[in-house]
């Protein structure tokens, strides 16, 4: 394995190590936010804290930034190494 092969593995490795766990967190917070809204709408007292919605937005922004960063990393690899 030379340097080109190692650089080819950087993009998928970062995606698996960073982006996929963030996707899991965002989906979990989205589910909690929905459950909280459904409980409040039905008139029940929700056990889910109200901060879940704000946290969902914050982590969603991190997810957006990381996906854009991973995409730019892949494009940089294609433009620099393959050019």
N, C-alpha and C. Protein backbone atom coordinates (compact mmCIF):
# COMPACT_ATOMS: atom_id res chain seq x y z
N UNK A 1 0.84 -1.18 0.00
CA UNK A 1 0.00 0.00 0.00
C UNK A 1 0.88 1.24 0.00
N UNK A 2 0.68 2.07 -0.98
CA UNK A 2 1.44 3.31 -1.02
C UNK A 2 0.57 4.47 -0.52
N UNK A 3 1.10 5.67 -0.63
CA UNK A 3 0.44 6.85 -0.09
C UNK A 3 -0.92 7.11 -0.75
N UNK A 4 -1.00 6.87 -2.05
CA UNK A 4 -2.27 7.08 -2.76
C UNK A 4 -3.38 6.21 -2.18
N UNK A 5 -3.04 4.96 -1.89
CA UNK A 5 -4.04 4.04 -1.35
C UNK A 5 -4.49 4.46 0.05
N UNK A 6 -3.55 4.93 0.86
CA UNK A 6 -3.90 5.39 2.20
C UNK A 6 -4.79 6.63 2.15
N UNK A 7 -4.48 7.55 1.24
CA UNK A 7 -5.31 8.74 1.10
C UNK A 7 -6.71 8.40 0.59
N UNK A 8 -6.81 7.34 -0.19
CA UNK A 8 -8.11 6.90 -0.69
C UNK A 8 -9.00 6.40 0.46
N UNK A 9 -8.39 5.90 1.52
CA UNK A 9 -9.15 5.37 2.65
C UNK A 9 -9.54 6.44 3.67
N UNK A 10 -8.98 7.64 3.58
CA UNK A 10 -9.26 8.69 4.56
C UNK A 10 -10.73 9.09 4.55
N UNK A 11 -11.28 9.34 3.38
CA UNK A 11 -12.67 9.80 3.25
C UNK A 11 -13.66 8.80 3.85
N UNK A 12 -13.62 7.52 3.47
CA UNK A 12 -14.58 6.59 4.07
C UNK A 12 -14.34 6.35 5.56
N UNK A 13 -13.09 6.38 5.99
CA UNK A 13 -12.80 6.16 7.41
C UNK A 13 -13.37 7.29 8.26
N UNK A 14 -13.21 8.52 7.81
CA UNK A 14 -13.76 9.65 8.56
C UNK A 14 -15.29 9.60 8.54
N UNK A 15 -15.85 9.19 7.41
CA UNK A 15 -17.31 9.09 7.32
C UNK A 15 -17.85 8.06 8.32
N UNK A 16 -17.18 6.92 8.42
CA UNK A 16 -17.64 5.88 9.33
C UNK A 16 -17.39 6.27 10.78
N UNK A 17 -16.25 6.88 11.06
CA UNK A 17 -15.88 7.19 12.44
C UNK A 17 -16.59 8.42 13.00
N UNK A 18 -16.93 9.38 12.14
CA UNK A 18 -17.49 10.64 12.64
C UNK A 18 -18.94 10.85 12.19
N UNK A 19 -19.19 10.72 10.90
CA UNK A 19 -20.51 11.10 10.37
C UNK A 19 -21.60 10.12 10.79
N UNK A 20 -21.37 8.83 10.68
CA UNK A 20 -22.42 7.87 11.01
C UNK A 20 -22.87 7.94 12.47
N UNK A 21 -21.96 8.09 13.44
CA UNK A 21 -22.44 8.27 14.82
C UNK A 21 -23.27 9.55 15.01
N UNK A 22 -22.89 10.61 14.30
CA UNK A 22 -23.67 11.85 14.40
C UNK A 22 -25.06 11.65 13.81
N UNK A 23 -25.15 10.88 12.72
CA UNK A 23 -26.46 10.57 12.13
C UNK A 23 -27.33 9.84 13.16
N UNK A 24 -26.73 8.90 13.87
CA UNK A 24 -27.47 8.18 14.90
C UNK A 24 -27.98 9.09 16.00
N UNK A 25 -27.14 10.04 16.43
CA UNK A 25 -27.56 10.97 17.48
C UNK A 25 -28.70 11.87 17.00
N UNK A 26 -28.60 12.35 15.76
CA UNK A 26 -29.63 13.25 15.22
C UNK A 26 -30.96 12.51 15.08
N UNK A 27 -30.91 11.27 14.60
CA UNK A 27 -32.15 10.50 14.46
C UNK A 27 -32.77 10.23 15.83
N UNK A 28 -31.95 9.90 16.82
CA UNK A 28 -32.47 9.66 18.17
C UNK A 28 -33.13 10.92 18.74
N UNK A 29 -32.47 12.06 18.57
CA UNK A 29 -33.04 13.31 19.09
C UNK A 29 -34.31 13.68 18.32
N UNK A 30 -34.35 13.40 17.02
CA UNK A 30 -35.56 13.68 16.23
C UNK A 30 -36.73 12.84 16.73
N UNK A 31 -36.46 11.58 17.04
CA UNK A 31 -37.51 10.70 17.55
C UNK A 31 -38.01 11.20 18.90
N UNK A 32 -37.08 11.60 19.77
CA UNK A 32 -37.47 12.12 21.08
C UNK A 32 -38.29 13.41 20.96
N UNK A 33 -37.87 14.28 20.05
CA UNK A 33 -38.60 15.53 19.83
C UNK A 33 -40.02 15.24 19.36
N UNK A 34 -40.15 14.31 18.44
CA UNK A 34 -41.50 13.95 17.95
C UNK A 34 -42.35 13.36 19.06
N UNK A 35 -41.76 12.47 19.85
CA UNK A 35 -42.52 11.85 20.95
C UNK A 35 -42.97 12.91 21.96
N UNK A 36 -42.09 13.85 22.23
CA UNK A 36 -42.45 14.92 23.18
C UNK A 36 -43.61 15.75 22.63
N UNK A 37 -43.52 16.11 21.35
CA UNK A 37 -44.60 16.91 20.76
C UNK A 37 -45.92 16.16 20.75
N UNK A 38 -45.88 14.86 20.47
CA UNK A 38 -47.11 14.07 20.48
C UNK A 38 -47.71 13.99 21.88
N UNK A 39 -46.84 13.85 22.90
CA UNK A 39 -47.33 13.78 24.28
C UNK A 39 -47.95 15.11 24.70
N UNK A 40 -47.30 16.21 24.34
CA UNK A 40 -47.82 17.53 24.72
C UNK A 40 -49.14 17.79 24.00
N UNK A 41 -49.24 17.40 22.74
CA UNK A 41 -50.46 17.61 21.97
C UNK A 41 -51.63 16.82 22.55
N UNK A 42 -51.35 15.61 23.02
CA UNK A 42 -52.43 14.79 23.58
C UNK A 42 -52.81 15.22 24.99
N UNK A 43 -52.08 16.15 25.57
CA UNK A 43 -52.42 16.67 26.88
C UNK A 43 -51.69 16.00 28.03
N UNK A 44 -50.84 15.03 27.72
CA UNK A 44 -50.07 14.35 28.77
C UNK A 44 -48.88 15.20 29.19
N UNK A 45 -48.38 14.90 30.37
CA UNK A 45 -47.15 15.56 30.81
C UNK A 45 -45.99 14.73 30.27
N UNK A 46 -45.11 15.36 29.53
CA UNK A 46 -44.01 14.65 28.89
C UNK A 46 -42.85 14.47 29.86
N UNK A 47 -42.25 13.29 29.81
CA UNK A 47 -41.06 13.03 30.63
C UNK A 47 -39.78 13.40 29.89
N UNK A 48 -39.91 13.71 28.62
CA UNK A 48 -38.75 14.09 27.81
C UNK A 48 -38.51 15.58 28.02
N UNK A 49 -37.26 15.98 28.34
CA UNK A 49 -37.00 17.40 28.62
C UNK A 49 -37.18 18.27 27.37
N UNK A 50 -37.58 19.52 27.57
CA UNK A 50 -37.80 20.41 26.42
C UNK A 50 -36.53 20.78 25.67
N UNK A 51 -35.38 20.57 26.26
CA UNK A 51 -34.13 20.94 25.62
C UNK A 51 -33.78 20.02 24.45
N UNK A 52 -34.49 18.92 24.31
CA UNK A 52 -34.19 17.95 23.25
C UNK A 52 -34.29 18.58 21.87
N UNK A 53 -35.27 19.44 21.65
CA UNK A 53 -35.43 20.09 20.35
C UNK A 53 -34.25 20.96 19.99
N UNK A 54 -33.79 21.75 20.96
CA UNK A 54 -32.62 22.62 20.71
C UNK A 54 -31.36 21.80 20.47
N UNK A 55 -31.20 20.73 21.25
CA UNK A 55 -30.03 19.86 21.06
C UNK A 55 -30.07 19.19 19.69
N UNK A 56 -31.27 18.81 19.26
CA UNK A 56 -31.44 18.21 17.94
C UNK A 56 -30.96 19.17 16.84
N UNK A 57 -31.31 20.43 16.97
CA UNK A 57 -30.90 21.43 15.98
C UNK A 57 -29.38 21.62 16.02
N UNK A 58 -28.80 21.69 17.22
CA UNK A 58 -27.35 21.88 17.33
C UNK A 58 -26.58 20.72 16.72
N UNK A 59 -26.99 19.51 17.05
CA UNK A 59 -26.28 18.34 16.51
C UNK A 59 -26.55 18.21 15.02
N UNK A 60 -27.74 18.60 14.57
CA UNK A 60 -28.04 18.60 13.13
C UNK A 60 -27.14 19.53 12.35
N UNK A 61 -26.81 20.66 12.96
CA UNK A 61 -25.87 21.58 12.30
C UNK A 61 -24.48 20.97 12.22
N UNK A 62 -24.07 20.26 13.29
CA UNK A 62 -22.78 19.56 13.24
C UNK A 62 -22.80 18.50 12.14
N UNK A 63 -23.91 17.81 12.00
CA UNK A 63 -24.03 16.79 10.96
C UNK A 63 -23.92 17.42 9.58
N UNK A 64 -24.59 18.53 9.37
CA UNK A 64 -24.52 19.22 8.08
C UNK A 64 -23.10 19.63 7.76
N UNK A 65 -22.42 20.21 8.73
CA UNK A 65 -21.03 20.62 8.51
C UNK A 65 -20.11 19.45 8.24
N UNK A 66 -20.31 18.35 8.93
CA UNK A 66 -19.44 17.20 8.71
C UNK A 66 -19.69 16.56 7.35
N UNK A 67 -20.94 16.52 6.91
CA UNK A 67 -21.24 15.97 5.59
C UNK A 67 -20.63 16.84 4.50
N UNK A 68 -20.73 18.15 4.64
CA UNK A 68 -20.12 19.06 3.67
C UNK A 68 -18.60 18.89 3.69
N UNK A 69 -18.02 18.79 4.88
CA UNK A 69 -16.57 18.59 4.98
C UNK A 69 -16.10 17.30 4.34
N UNK A 70 -16.84 16.22 4.56
CA UNK A 70 -16.49 14.93 3.96
C UNK A 70 -16.60 15.01 2.44
N UNK A 71 -17.63 15.68 1.95
CA UNK A 71 -17.80 15.83 0.50
C UNK A 71 -16.66 16.64 -0.10
N UNK A 72 -16.28 17.72 0.58
CA UNK A 72 -15.16 18.53 0.09
C UNK A 72 -13.86 17.74 0.12
N UNK A 73 -13.68 16.91 1.13
CA UNK A 73 -12.49 16.07 1.20
C UNK A 73 -12.44 15.09 0.03
N UNK A 74 -13.59 14.50 -0.30
CA UNK A 74 -13.64 13.58 -1.44
C UNK A 74 -13.37 14.31 -2.75
N UNK A 75 -13.95 15.50 -2.90
CA UNK A 75 -13.69 16.27 -4.12
C UNK A 75 -12.23 16.69 -4.22
N UNK A 76 -11.64 17.06 -3.10
CA UNK A 76 -10.22 17.44 -3.11
C UNK A 76 -9.36 16.26 -3.51
N UNK A 77 -9.69 15.07 -3.03
CA UNK A 77 -8.93 13.88 -3.41
C UNK A 77 -9.02 13.66 -4.92
N UNK A 78 -10.22 13.76 -5.45
CA UNK A 78 -10.40 13.53 -6.88
C UNK A 78 -9.65 14.58 -7.70
N UNK A 79 -9.71 15.84 -7.28
CA UNK A 79 -9.07 16.90 -8.05
C UNK A 79 -7.55 16.88 -7.92
N UNK A 80 -7.04 16.58 -6.74
CA UNK A 80 -5.60 16.65 -6.52
C UNK A 80 -4.89 15.35 -6.92
N UNK A 81 -5.36 14.23 -6.45
CA UNK A 81 -4.67 12.96 -6.68
C UNK A 81 -4.93 12.44 -8.09
N UNK A 82 -6.14 12.53 -8.55
CA UNK A 82 -6.47 11.97 -9.86
C UNK A 82 -6.17 12.91 -11.02
N UNK A 83 -5.85 14.17 -10.73
CA UNK A 83 -5.61 15.13 -11.81
C UNK A 83 -4.28 14.94 -12.48
